[in-house]
Amino acid sequence: MINVAIVEDIKVESDLLKSMLEEYSKTSDTSFSINVYNDISAFLSNNNNLDIVFLDIELGDGNGMDLAKKIRENDKSVMI
């Protein structure tokens, strides 16, 4: 199981990415646990043991690039 977080404040965009991952899962031997966060604070209070993080650059409560730096400080192996 691959643990994925999507940090995106536009629901249509996060839904599209999530559906693409789910479709890929159906055509491969890969399973995903996908959590969607619509802001940085929600992500920071709930992230743990992630394998992949998809980040929007411009979020309502901050910048995805700044969040990427923060993630990298705490986890050098997660794919961003």
Protein backbone atom coordinates (compact mmCIF):
# COMPACT_ATOMS: atom_id res chain seq x y z
CA MET A 1 0.00 0.00 0.00
CA ILE A 2 1.34 3.41 -0.99
CA ASN A 3 0.30 6.24 1.33
CA VAL A 4 -0.49 9.38 -0.64
CA ALA A 5 -1.44 12.90 0.45
CA ILE A 6 -2.92 15.46 -1.92
CA VAL A 7 -2.72 19.05 -0.67
CA GLU A 8 -4.96 21.07 -2.99
CA ASP A 9 -7.48 23.80 -2.19
CA ILE A 10 -9.50 23.46 -5.41
CA LYS A 11 -11.82 20.46 -5.06
CA VAL A 12 -12.12 19.80 -8.80
CA GLU A 13 -8.33 19.52 -9.04
CA SER A 14 -7.92 17.23 -6.03
CA ASP A 15 -10.81 15.05 -7.21
CA LEU A 16 -9.21 14.74 -10.65
CA LEU A 17 -5.83 13.73 -9.25
CA LYS A 18 -7.44 11.28 -6.85
CA SER A 19 -9.47 9.67 -9.66
CA MET A 20 -6.33 9.37 -11.81
CA LEU A 21 -4.55 7.53 -9.00
CA GLU A 22 -7.56 5.27 -8.47
CA GLU A 23 -7.69 4.51 -12.20
CA TYR A 24 -3.97 3.70 -12.22
CA SER A 25 -4.53 1.41 -9.25
CA LYS A 26 -7.11 -0.56 -11.25
CA THR A 27 -4.72 -1.13 -14.16
CA SER A 28 -1.66 -2.03 -12.12
CA ASP A 29 -0.78 -4.07 -9.08
CA THR A 30 -0.52 -0.90 -7.01
CA SER A 31 -2.84 0.07 -4.20
CA PHE A 32 -3.07 3.53 -2.70
CA SER A 33 -4.33 4.99 0.53
CA ILE A 34 -5.21 8.55 -0.51
CA ASN A 35 -5.95 11.44 1.83
CA VAL A 36 -6.91 14.86 0.53
CA TYR A 37 -6.24 18.08 2.45
CA ASN A 38 -7.58 21.43 1.36
CA ASP A 39 -5.12 23.49 3.38
CA ILE A 40 -1.67 23.34 4.91
CA SER A 41 -2.81 23.35 8.53
CA ALA A 42 -5.04 20.30 8.00
CA PHE A 43 -2.16 18.49 6.31
CA LEU A 44 0.33 19.33 9.06
CA SER A 45 -2.00 18.11 11.79
CA ASN A 46 -2.70 14.77 10.08
CA ASN A 47 0.28 13.64 8.00
CA ASN A 48 2.20 10.53 8.97
CA ASN A 49 4.09 7.75 7.22
CA LEU A 50 3.59 9.16 3.73
CA ASP A 51 5.21 7.82 0.60
CA ILE A 52 4.08 10.51 -1.85
CA VAL A 53 2.80 14.07 -1.38
CA PHE A 54 1.20 16.05 -4.21
CA LEU A 55 1.32 19.77 -3.45
CA ASP A 56 -0.45 22.72 -4.97
CA ILE A 57 1.89 25.72 -5.17
CA GLU A 58 -0.61 28.42 -4.19
CA LEU A 59 -2.82 27.46 -1.28
CA GLY A 60 -5.25 29.60 0.68
CA ASP A 61 -3.20 29.44 3.86
CA GLY A 62 0.33 29.39 2.45
CA ASN A 63 2.72 28.34 -0.23
CA GLY A 64 3.27 24.75 -1.33
CA MET A 65 6.98 25.34 -1.89
CA ASP A 66 7.40 26.45 1.73
CA LEU A 67 5.45 23.39 2.83
CA ALA A 68 7.73 21.17 0.71
CA LYS A 69 10.76 22.56 2.55
CA LYS A 70 9.09 21.85 5.88
CA ILE A 71 8.19 18.32 4.82
CA ARG A 72 11.74 17.68 3.65
CA GLU A 73 13.17 18.85 7.00
CA ASN A 74 11.19 16.10 8.74
CA ASP A 75 11.24 13.36 6.09
CA LYS A 76 14.03 12.98 3.57
CA SER A 77 12.49 9.95 1.84
CA VAL A 78 8.94 11.05 0.99
CA MET A 79 8.43 11.81 -2.69
CA ILE A 80 7.13 15.33 -3.27
